[in-house]
Amino acid sequence: MDLGRLGAADRHADLSLLLASAQDTWPDEAQHLQDQLQRLYGSPVDADRLRFHLLLDPLTWD
Protein backbone atom coordinates (compact mmCIF):
# COMPACT_ATOMS: atom_id res chain seq x y z
CA MET A 1 0.00 0.00 0.00
CA ASP A 2 1.48 3.35 -1.04
CA LEU A 3 0.94 5.98 1.65
CA GLY A 4 3.55 8.45 0.45
CA ARG A 5 1.12 11.20 -0.59
CA LEU A 6 -1.22 11.16 2.39
CA GLY A 7 -1.33 14.23 4.56
CA ALA A 8 -3.31 16.33 7.03
CA ALA A 9 -6.14 17.81 4.97
CA ASP A 10 -9.65 16.54 4.32
CA ARG A 11 -9.63 13.08 5.86
CA HIS A 12 -11.70 11.84 2.91
CA ALA A 13 -8.70 12.47 0.63
CA ASP A 14 -6.67 10.00 2.68
CA LEU A 15 -9.52 7.54 3.05
CA SER A 16 -10.29 7.53 -0.67
CA LEU A 17 -6.70 6.56 -1.49
CA LEU A 18 -6.65 3.94 1.26
CA LEU A 19 -9.84 2.31 0.01
CA ALA A 20 -8.79 2.49 -3.65
CA SER A 21 -5.46 0.90 -2.81
CA ALA A 22 -7.19 -1.82 -0.80
CA GLN A 23 -9.53 -2.51 -3.73
CA ASP A 24 -6.55 -2.88 -6.07
CA THR A 25 -4.50 -4.98 -3.65
CA TRP A 26 -7.14 -7.12 -1.93
CA PRO A 27 -10.29 -7.01 -4.08
CA ASP A 28 -11.98 -9.83 -2.15
CA GLU A 29 -11.51 -8.11 1.23
CA ALA A 30 -11.94 -4.45 0.23
CA GLN A 31 -15.69 -4.29 0.86
CA HIS A 32 -15.18 -5.76 4.33
CA LEU A 33 -12.57 -3.08 5.03
CA GLN A 34 -14.95 -0.35 3.91
CA ASP A 35 -17.76 -1.78 6.05
CA GLN A 36 -15.48 -1.95 9.10
CA LEU A 37 -14.22 1.56 8.43
CA GLN A 38 -17.79 2.88 8.42
CA ARG A 39 -18.45 1.11 11.72
CA LEU A 40 -15.22 1.95 13.58
CA TYR A 41 -14.06 5.27 12.16
CA GLY A 42 -15.88 7.49 14.62
CA SER A 43 -17.04 10.03 12.01
CA PRO A 44 -19.42 9.60 9.12
CA VAL A 45 -17.70 8.59 5.89
CA ASP A 46 -19.22 10.44 2.93
CA ALA A 47 -19.20 8.30 -0.23
CA ASP A 48 -19.59 11.36 -2.48
CA ARG A 49 -16.52 12.99 -0.95
CA LEU A 50 -14.56 9.75 -1.37
CA ARG A 51 -15.44 9.71 -5.09
CA PHE A 52 -14.60 13.41 -5.44
CA HIS A 53 -11.13 12.93 -4.00
CA LEU A 54 -10.47 9.90 -6.20
CA LEU A 55 -11.34 11.99 -9.25
CA LEU A 56 -9.29 14.94 -8.01
CA ASP A 57 -6.16 12.97 -7.08
CA PRO A 58 -4.75 12.44 -10.62
CA LEU A 59 -4.96 16.19 -11.22
CA THR A 60 -2.44 16.77 -8.42
CA TRP A 61 0.28 14.50 -9.82
CA ASP A 62 3.49 16.18 -10.91
PDB file of N, CA and C in Angstrom:
ATOM      1  N   MET A   1       0.848  -1.152   0.000  1.00  0.00           N
ATOM      2  CA  MET A   1       0.000   0.000   0.000  1.00  0.00           C
ATOM      3  C   MET A   1       0.905   1.230   0.000  1.00  0.00           C
ATOM      4  N   ASP A   2       0.689   2.128  -0.934  1.00  0.00           N
ATOM      5  CA  ASP A   2       1.482   3.350  -1.043  1.00  0.00           C
ATOM      6  C   ASP A   2       0.808   4.449  -0.232  1.00  0.00           C
ATOM      7  N   LEU A   3       1.476   4.915   0.810  1.00  0.00           N
ATOM      8  CA  LEU A   3       0.939   5.977   1.652  1.00  0.00           C
ATOM      9  C   LEU A   3       1.763   7.253   1.555  1.00  0.00           C
ATOM     10  N   GLY A   4       2.611   7.349   0.551  1.00  0.00           N
ATOM     11  CA  GLY A   4       3.547   8.451   0.445  1.00  0.00           C
ATOM     12  C   GLY A   4       2.930   9.815   0.230  1.00  0.00           C
ATOM     13  N   ARG A   5       1.712   9.901  -0.286  1.00  0.00           N
ATOM     14  CA  ARG A   5       1.118  11.203  -0.588  1.00  0.00           C
ATOM     15  C   ARG A   5       0.025  11.602   0.391  1.00  0.00           C
ATOM     16  N   LEU A   6      -0.177  10.832   1.427  1.00  0.00           N
ATOM     17  CA  LEU A   6      -1.223  11.164   2.387  1.00  0.00           C
ATOM     18  C   LEU A   6      -0.757  12.298   3.286  1.00  0.00           C
ATOM     19  N   GLY A   7      -1.704  13.084   3.748  1.00  0.00           N
ATOM     20  CA  GLY A   7      -1.331  14.233   4.561  1.00  0.00           C
ATOM     21  C   GLY A   7      -2.454  14.641   5.494  1.00  0.00           C
ATOM     22  N   ALA A   8      -2.333  15.827   6.074  1.00  0.00           N
ATOM     23  CA  ALA A   8      -3.312  16.333   7.027  1.00  0.00           C
ATOM     24  C   ALA A   8      -4.188  17.371   6.345  1.00  0.00           C
ATOM     25  N   ALA A   9      -5.184  16.921   5.642  1.00  0.00           N
ATOM     26  CA  ALA A   9      -6.139  17.805   4.969  1.00  0.00           C
ATOM     27  C   ALA A   9      -7.523  17.206   5.208  1.00  0.00           C
ATOM     28  N   ASP A  10      -8.351  17.198   4.210  1.00  0.00           N
ATOM     29  CA  ASP A  10      -9.650  16.544   4.318  1.00  0.00           C
ATOM     30  C   ASP A  10      -9.409  15.050   4.496  1.00  0.00           C
ATOM     31  N   ARG A  11      -9.884  14.496   5.583  1.00  0.00           N
ATOM     32  CA  ARG A  11      -9.634  13.076   5.860  1.00  0.00           C
ATOM     33  C   ARG A  11     -10.170  12.174   4.760  1.00  0.00           C
ATOM     34  N   HIS A  12     -11.159  12.648   4.005  1.00  0.00           N
ATOM     35  CA  HIS A  12     -11.697  11.837   2.909  1.00  0.00           C
ATOM     36  C   HIS A  12     -10.685  11.679   1.774  1.00  0.00           C
ATOM     37  N   ALA A  13      -9.760  12.623   1.639  1.00  0.00           N
ATOM     38  CA  ALA A  13      -8.700  12.466   0.632  1.00  0.00           C
ATOM     39  C   ALA A  13      -7.839  11.259   0.980  1.00  0.00           C
ATOM     40  N   ASP A  14      -7.464  11.140   2.233  1.00  0.00           N
ATOM     41  CA  ASP A  14      -6.667   9.999   2.676  1.00  0.00           C
ATOM     42  C   ASP A  14      -7.464   8.704   2.586  1.00  0.00           C
ATOM     43  N   LEU A  15      -8.703   8.747   3.054  1.00  0.00           N
ATOM     44  CA  LEU A  15      -9.525   7.536   3.052  1.00  0.00           C
ATOM     45  C   LEU A  15      -9.797   7.041   1.639  1.00  0.00           C
ATOM     46  N   SER A  16     -10.006   7.957   0.704  1.00  0.00           N
ATOM     47  CA  SER A  16     -10.293   7.531  -0.670  1.00  0.00           C
ATOM     48  C   SER A  16      -9.106   6.782  -1.260  1.00  0.00           C
ATOM     49  N   LEU A  17      -7.888   7.257  -0.987  1.00  0.00           N
ATOM     50  CA  LEU A  17      -6.698   6.565  -1.487  1.00  0.00           C
ATOM     51  C   LEU A  17      -6.493   5.234  -0.774  1.00  0.00           C
ATOM     52  N   LEU A  18      -6.755   5.192   0.511  1.00  0.00           N
ATOM     53  CA  LEU A  18      -6.646   3.944   1.265  1.00  0.00           C
ATOM     54  C   LEU A  18      -7.592   2.890   0.699  1.00  0.00           C
ATOM     55  N   LEU A  19      -8.852   3.271   0.499  1.00  0.00           N
ATOM     56  CA  LEU A  19      -9.840   2.309   0.012  1.00  0.00           C
ATOM     57  C   LEU A  19      -9.572   1.906  -1.433  1.00  0.00           C
ATOM     58  N   ALA A  20      -9.123   2.832  -2.263  1.00  0.00           N
ATOM     59  CA  ALA A  20      -8.793   2.487  -3.651  1.00  0.00           C
ATOM     60  C   ALA A  20      -7.608   1.530  -3.700  1.00  0.00           C
ATOM     61  N   SER A  21      -6.615   1.779  -2.863  1.00  0.00           N
ATOM     62  CA  SER A  21      -5.457   0.895  -2.814  1.00  0.00           C
ATOM     63  C   SER A  21      -5.852  -0.488  -2.312  1.00  0.00           C
ATOM     64  N   ALA A  22      -6.712  -0.531  -1.310  1.00  0.00           N
ATOM     65  CA  ALA A  22      -7.189  -1.822  -0.799  1.00  0.00           C
ATOM     66  C   ALA A  22      -7.950  -2.577  -1.880  1.00  0.00           C
ATOM     67  N   GLN A  23      -8.767  -1.863  -2.649  1.00  0.00           N
ATOM     68  CA  GLN A  23      -9.527  -2.510  -3.728  1.00  0.00           C
ATOM     69  C   GLN A  23      -8.584  -3.096  -4.775  1.00  0.00           C
ATOM     70  N   ASP A  24      -7.522  -2.385  -5.091  1.00  0.00           N
ATOM     71  CA  ASP A  24      -6.550  -2.883  -6.070  1.00  0.00           C
ATOM     72  C   ASP A  24      -5.742  -4.059  -5.530  1.00  0.00           C
ATOM     73  N   THR A  25      -5.391  -3.989  -4.245  1.00  0.00           N
ATOM     74  CA  THR A  25      -4.502  -4.983  -3.653  1.00  0.00           C
ATOM     75  C   THR A  25      -5.242  -6.222  -3.158  1.00  0.00           C
ATOM     76  N   TRP A  26      -6.364  -6.017  -2.508  1.00  0.00           N
ATOM     77  CA  TRP A  26      -7.145  -7.116  -1.929  1.00  0.00           C
ATOM     78  C   TRP A  26      -8.606  -7.003  -2.353  1.00  0.00           C
ATOM     79  N   PRO A  27      -8.920  -7.239  -3.609  1.00  0.00           N
ATOM     80  CA  PRO A  27     -10.288  -7.015  -4.083  1.00  0.00           C
ATOM     81  C   PRO A  27     -11.348  -7.817  -3.325  1.00  0.00           C
ATOM     82  N   ASP A  28     -10.995  -9.005  -2.861  1.00  0.00           N
ATOM     83  CA  ASP A  28     -11.978  -9.826  -2.152  1.00  0.00           C
ATOM     84  C   ASP A  28     -12.273  -9.315  -0.745  1.00  0.00           C
ATOM     85  N   GLU A  29     -11.342  -8.592  -0.144  1.00  0.00           N
ATOM     86  CA  GLU A  29     -11.513  -8.107   1.226  1.00  0.00           C
ATOM     87  C   GLU A  29     -11.841  -6.617   1.308  1.00  0.00           C
ATOM     88  N   ALA A  30     -11.797  -5.911   0.205  1.00  0.00           N
ATOM     89  CA  ALA A  30     -11.940  -4.450   0.227  1.00  0.00           C
ATOM     90  C   ALA A  30     -13.303  -4.004   0.752  1.00  0.00           C
ATOM     91  N   GLN A  31     -14.365  -4.689   0.379  1.00  0.00           N
ATOM     92  CA  GLN A  31     -15.692  -4.293   0.861  1.00  0.00           C
ATOM     93  C   GLN A  31     -15.787  -4.479   2.370  1.00  0.00           C
ATOM     94  N   HIS A  32     -15.196  -5.547   2.878  1.00  0.00           N
ATOM     95  CA  HIS A  32     -15.184  -5.764   4.330  1.00  0.00           C
ATOM     96  C   HIS A  32     -14.442  -4.624   5.029  1.00  0.00           C
ATOM     97  N   LEU A  33     -13.313  -4.209   4.469  1.00  0.00           N
ATOM     98  CA  LEU A  33     -12.566  -3.080   5.030  1.00  0.00           C
ATOM     99  C   LEU A  33     -13.433  -1.826   5.058  1.00  0.00           C
ATOM    100  N   GLN A  34     -14.111  -1.553   3.959  1.00  0.00           N
ATOM    101  CA  GLN A  34     -14.945  -0.354   3.906  1.00  0.00           C
ATOM    102  C   GLN A  34     -16.086  -0.437   4.919  1.00  0.00           C
ATOM    103  N   ASP A  35     -16.691  -1.614   5.062  1.00  0.00           N
ATOM    104  CA  ASP A  35     -17.762  -1.782   6.048  1.00  0.00           C
ATOM    105  C   ASP A  35     -17.238  -1.563   7.465  1.00  0.00           C
ATOM    106  N   GLN A  36     -16.071  -2.124   7.771  1.00  0.00           N
ATOM    107  CA  GLN A  36     -15.475  -1.953   9.097  1.00  0.00           C
ATOM    108  C   GLN A  36     -15.090  -0.496   9.337  1.00  0.00           C
ATOM    109  N   LEU A  37     -14.582   0.156   8.315  1.00  0.00           N
ATOM    110  CA  LEU A  37     -14.217   1.562   8.432  1.00  0.00           C
ATOM    111  C   LEU A  37     -15.442   2.396   8.798  1.00  0.00           C
ATOM    112  N   GLN A  38     -16.551   2.149   8.115  1.00  0.00           N
ATOM    113  CA  GLN A  38     -17.790   2.877   8.416  1.00  0.00           C
ATOM    114  C   GLN A  38     -18.189   2.670   9.877  1.00  0.00           C
ATOM    115  N   ARG A  39     -18.020   1.455  10.364  1.00  0.00           N
ATOM    116  CA  ARG A  39     -18.450   1.112  11.721  1.00  0.00           C
ATOM    117  C   ARG A  39     -17.503   1.665  12.790  1.00  0.00           C
ATOM    118  N   LEU A  40     -16.206   1.636  12.543  1.00  0.00           N
ATOM    119  CA  LEU A  40     -15.220   1.950  13.577  1.00  0.00           C
ATOM    120  C   LEU A  40     -14.600   3.339  13.487  1.00  0.00           C
ATOM    121  N   TYR A  41     -14.801   4.035  12.411  1.00  0.00           N
ATOM    122  CA  TYR A  41     -14.059   5.269  12.158  1.00  0.00           C
ATOM    123  C   TYR A  41     -14.336   6.368  13.180  1.00  0.00           C
ATOM    124  N   GLY A  42     -15.562   6.478  13.634  1.00  0.00           N
ATOM    125  CA  GLY A  42     -15.880   7.494  14.623  1.00  0.00           C
ATOM    126  C   GLY A  42     -16.488   8.752  14.038  1.00  0.00           C
ATOM    127  N   SER A  43     -16.412   8.912  12.730  1.00  0.00           N
ATOM    128  CA  SER A  43     -17.036  10.026  12.015  1.00  0.00           C
ATOM    129  C   SER A  43     -17.726   9.446  10.791  1.00  0.00           C
ATOM    130  N   PRO A  44     -18.783  10.088  10.345  1.00  0.00           N
ATOM    131  CA  PRO A  44     -19.425   9.595   9.124  1.00  0.00           C
ATOM    132  C   PRO A  44     -18.464   9.653   7.936  1.00  0.00           C
ATOM    133  N   VAL A  45     -18.500   8.630   7.116  1.00  0.00           N
ATOM    134  CA  VAL A  45     -17.701   8.589   5.894  1.00  0.00           C
ATOM    135  C   VAL A  45     -18.648   8.889   4.738  1.00  0.00           C
ATOM    136  N   ASP A  46     -18.366   9.957   4.008  1.00  0.00           N
ATOM    137  CA  ASP A  46     -19.223  10.440   2.927  1.00  0.00           C
ATOM    138  C   ASP A  46     -18.756   9.847   1.595  1.00  0.00           C
ATOM    139  N   ALA A  47     -19.563   8.971   1.018  1.00  0.00           N
ATOM    140  CA  ALA A  47     -19.198   8.296  -0.233  1.00  0.00           C
ATOM    141  C   ALA A  47     -18.992   9.288  -1.378  1.00  0.00           C
ATOM    142  N   ASP A  48     -19.769  10.362  -1.416  1.00  0.00           N
ATOM    143  CA  ASP A  48     -19.594  11.364  -2.482  1.00  0.00           C
ATOM    144  C   ASP A  48     -18.240  12.062  -2.361  1.00  0.00           C
ATOM    145  N   ARG A  49     -17.830  12.363  -1.148  1.00  0.00           N
ATOM    146  CA  ARG A  49     -16.518  12.995  -0.954  1.00  0.00           C
ATOM    147  C   ARG A  49     -15.388  12.031  -1.287  1.00  0.00           C
ATOM    148  N   LEU A  50     -15.565  10.746  -0.983  1.00  0.00           N
ATOM    149  CA  LEU A  50     -14.556   9.754  -1.368  1.00  0.00           C
ATOM    150  C   LEU A  50     -14.388   9.741  -2.880  1.00  0.00           C
ATOM    151  N   ARG A  51     -15.500   9.711  -3.614  1.00  0.00           N
ATOM    152  CA  ARG A  51     -15.444   9.712  -5.085  1.00  0.00           C
ATOM    153  C   ARG A  51     -14.806  10.992  -5.606  1.00  0.00           C
ATOM    154  N   PHE A  52     -15.171  12.127  -5.025  1.00  0.00           N
ATOM    155  CA  PHE A  52     -14.603  13.406  -5.440  1.00  0.00           C
ATOM    156  C   PHE A  52     -13.079  13.388  -5.330  1.00  0.00           C
ATOM    157  N   HIS A  53     -12.578  12.933  -4.199  1.00  0.00           N
ATOM    158  CA  HIS A  53     -11.126  12.933  -4.003  1.00  0.00           C
ATOM    159  C   HIS A  53     -10.431  11.936  -4.917  1.00  0.00           C
ATOM    160  N   LEU A  54     -11.070  10.835  -5.243  1.00  0.00           N
ATOM    161  CA  LEU A  54     -10.468   9.902  -6.201  1.00  0.00           C
ATOM    162  C   LEU A  54     -10.383  10.522  -7.588  1.00  0.00           C
ATOM    163  N   LEU A  55     -11.382  11.309  -7.958  1.00  0.00           N
ATOM    164  CA  LEU A  55     -11.339  11.993  -9.254  1.00  0.00           C
ATOM    165  C   LEU A  55     -10.328  13.141  -9.247  1.00  0.00           C
ATOM    166  N   LEU A  56     -10.196  13.808  -8.126  1.00  0.00           N
ATOM    167  CA  LEU A  56      -9.287  14.944  -8.008  1.00  0.00           C
ATOM    168  C   LEU A  56      -7.818  14.521  -7.939  1.00  0.00           C
ATOM    169  N   ASP A  57      -7.542  13.389  -7.335  1.00  0.00           N
ATOM    170  CA  ASP A  57      -6.161  12.969  -7.080  1.00  0.00           C
ATOM    171  C   ASP A  57      -5.261  12.986  -8.316  1.00  0.00           C
ATOM    172  N   PRO A  58      -5.662  12.424  -9.458  1.00  0.00           N
ATOM    173  CA  PRO A  58      -4.749  12.439 -10.616  1.00  0.00           C
ATOM    174  C   PRO A  58      -4.394  13.846 -11.097  1.00  0.00           C
ATOM    175  N   LEU A  59      -5.236  14.815 -10.801  1.00  0.00           N
ATOM    176  CA  LEU A  59      -4.959  16.185 -11.224  1.00  0.00           C
ATOM    177  C   LEU A  59      -3.846  16.830 -10.397  1.00  0.00           C
ATOM    178  N   THR A  60      -3.484  16.208  -9.291  1.00  0.00           N
ATOM    179  CA  THR A  60      -2.443  16.765  -8.419  1.00  0.00           C
ATOM    180  C   THR A  60      -1.085  16.124  -8.643  1.00  0.00           C
ATOM    181  N   TRP A  61      -1.000  15.170  -9.551  1.00  0.00           N
ATOM    182  CA  TRP A  61       0.282  14.501  -9.823  1.00  0.00           C
ATOM    183  C   TRP A  61       1.215  15.460 -10.542  1.00  0.00           C
ATOM    184  N   ASP A  62       2.477  15.356 -10.226  1.00  0.00           N
ATOM    185  CA  ASP A  62       3.491  16.177 -10.908  1.00  0.00           C
ATOM    186  C   ASP A  62       3.876  15.568 -12.227  1.00  0.00           C
TER     187      ASP A  62
END
